[in-house]
Amino acid sequence: AINGPLQQRTNVLDLDFSRANTLPSDYDTDLELDWSNPSMFLAIYSIFNLVI
């Protein structure tokens, strides 16, 4: 923000930016886990479509 220093919001904007772009410490990025398999989500989605 160009006028951030004028409005004295630079610290808040910087903190917001860093929180928005940082992964949480408990976020798992292991692509080998079952939950990261897209076909699993398709299977669950089709089950819910049959129920509804």
C-alpha atoms as a PDB file:
ATOM      1  CA  ALA A   1       0.000   0.000   0.000  1.00  0.00           C
ATOM      2  CA  ILE A   2       1.522   3.259  -1.113  1.00  0.00           C
ATOM      3  CA  ASN A   3      -0.192   5.349   1.533  1.00  0.00           C
ATOM      4  CA  GLY A   4       0.311   2.763   4.299  1.00  0.00           C
ATOM      5  CA  PRO A   5       2.855   4.874   6.190  1.00  0.00           C
ATOM      6  CA  LEU A   6       0.544   7.863   5.964  1.00  0.00           C
ATOM      7  CA  GLN A   7      -2.271   5.906   7.573  1.00  0.00           C
ATOM      8  CA  GLN A   8       0.132   4.080   9.903  1.00  0.00           C
ATOM      9  CA  ARG A   9      -1.213   0.714   8.812  1.00  0.00           C
ATOM     10  CA  THR A  10       2.010  -0.713   7.433  1.00  0.00           C
ATOM     11  CA  ASN A  11       2.596  -3.077  10.385  1.00  0.00           C
ATOM     12  CA  VAL A  12      -0.952  -4.410  10.212  1.00  0.00           C
ATOM     13  CA  LEU A  13      -0.760  -4.903   6.453  1.00  0.00           C
ATOM     14  CA  ASP A  14       2.617  -6.655   6.719  1.00  0.00           C
ATOM     15  CA  LEU A  15       1.310  -8.981   9.433  1.00  0.00           C
ATOM     16  CA  ASP A  16      -1.810  -9.741   7.405  1.00  0.00           C
ATOM     17  CA  PHE A  17       0.291 -10.490   4.329  1.00  0.00           C
ATOM     18  CA  SER A  18       2.614 -12.833   6.219  1.00  0.00           C
ATOM     19  CA  ARG A  19      -0.299 -14.699   7.840  1.00  0.00           C
ATOM     20  CA  ALA A  20      -2.035 -15.088   4.489  1.00  0.00           C
ATOM     21  CA  ASN A  21       1.049 -16.509   2.780  1.00  0.00           C
ATOM     22  CA  THR A  22       2.489 -18.778   5.486  1.00  0.00           C
ATOM     23  CA  LEU A  23       1.464 -22.407   5.873  1.00  0.00           C
ATOM     24  CA  PRO A  24       0.402 -23.393   9.399  1.00  0.00           C
ATOM     25  CA  SER A  25       2.912 -25.484  11.335  1.00  0.00           C
ATOM     26  CA  ASP A  26       0.512 -28.452  11.462  1.00  0.00           C
ATOM     27  CA  TYR A  27      -0.237 -28.396   7.714  1.00  0.00           C
ATOM     28  CA  ASP A  28       0.873 -31.643   6.115  1.00  0.00           C
ATOM     29  CA  THR A  29       2.249 -31.366   2.594  1.00  0.00           C
ATOM     30  CA  ASP A  30       3.156 -35.036   2.145  1.00  0.00           C
ATOM     31  CA  LEU A  31       1.746 -36.030  -1.254  1.00  0.00           C
ATOM     32  CA  GLU A  32       2.042 -39.720  -0.398  1.00  0.00           C
ATOM     33  CA  LEU A  33      -0.735 -39.570   2.194  1.00  0.00           C
ATOM     34  CA  ASP A  34      -4.138 -41.024   1.324  1.00  0.00           C
ATOM     35  CA  TRP A  35      -6.009 -37.761   1.799  1.00  0.00           C
ATOM     36  CA  SER A  36      -3.986 -36.155  -0.986  1.00  0.00           C
ATOM     37  CA  ASN A  37      -5.183 -38.720  -3.530  1.00  0.00           C
ATOM     38  CA  PRO A  38      -7.757 -37.024  -5.829  1.00  0.00           C
ATOM     39  CA  SER A  39      -9.464 -40.327  -6.665  1.00  0.00           C
ATOM     40  CA  MET A  40     -10.325 -40.744  -2.979  1.00  0.00           C
ATOM     41  CA  PHE A  41     -12.219 -37.461  -3.067  1.00  0.00           C
ATOM     42  CA  LEU A  42     -14.047 -38.553  -6.207  1.00  0.00           C
ATOM     43  CA  ALA A  43     -15.078 -41.780  -4.482  1.00  0.00           C
ATOM     44  CA  ILE A  44     -16.379 -39.902  -1.436  1.00  0.00           C
ATOM     45  CA  TYR A  45     -18.154 -37.390  -3.684  1.00  0.00           C
ATOM     46  CA  SER A  46     -19.910 -40.170  -5.606  1.00  0.00           C
ATOM     47  CA  ILE A  47     -20.996 -41.842  -2.341  1.00  0.00           C
ATOM     48  CA  PHE A  48     -22.535 -38.576  -1.128  1.00  0.00           C
ATOM     49  CA  ASN A  49     -24.312 -38.119  -4.452  1.00  0.00           C
ATOM     50  CA  LEU A  50     -25.872 -41.555  -4.095  1.00  0.00           C
ATOM     51  CA  VAL A  51     -27.047 -40.769  -0.561  1.00  0.00           C
ATOM     52  CA  ILE A  52     -28.551 -37.400  -1.475  1.00  0.00           C
END
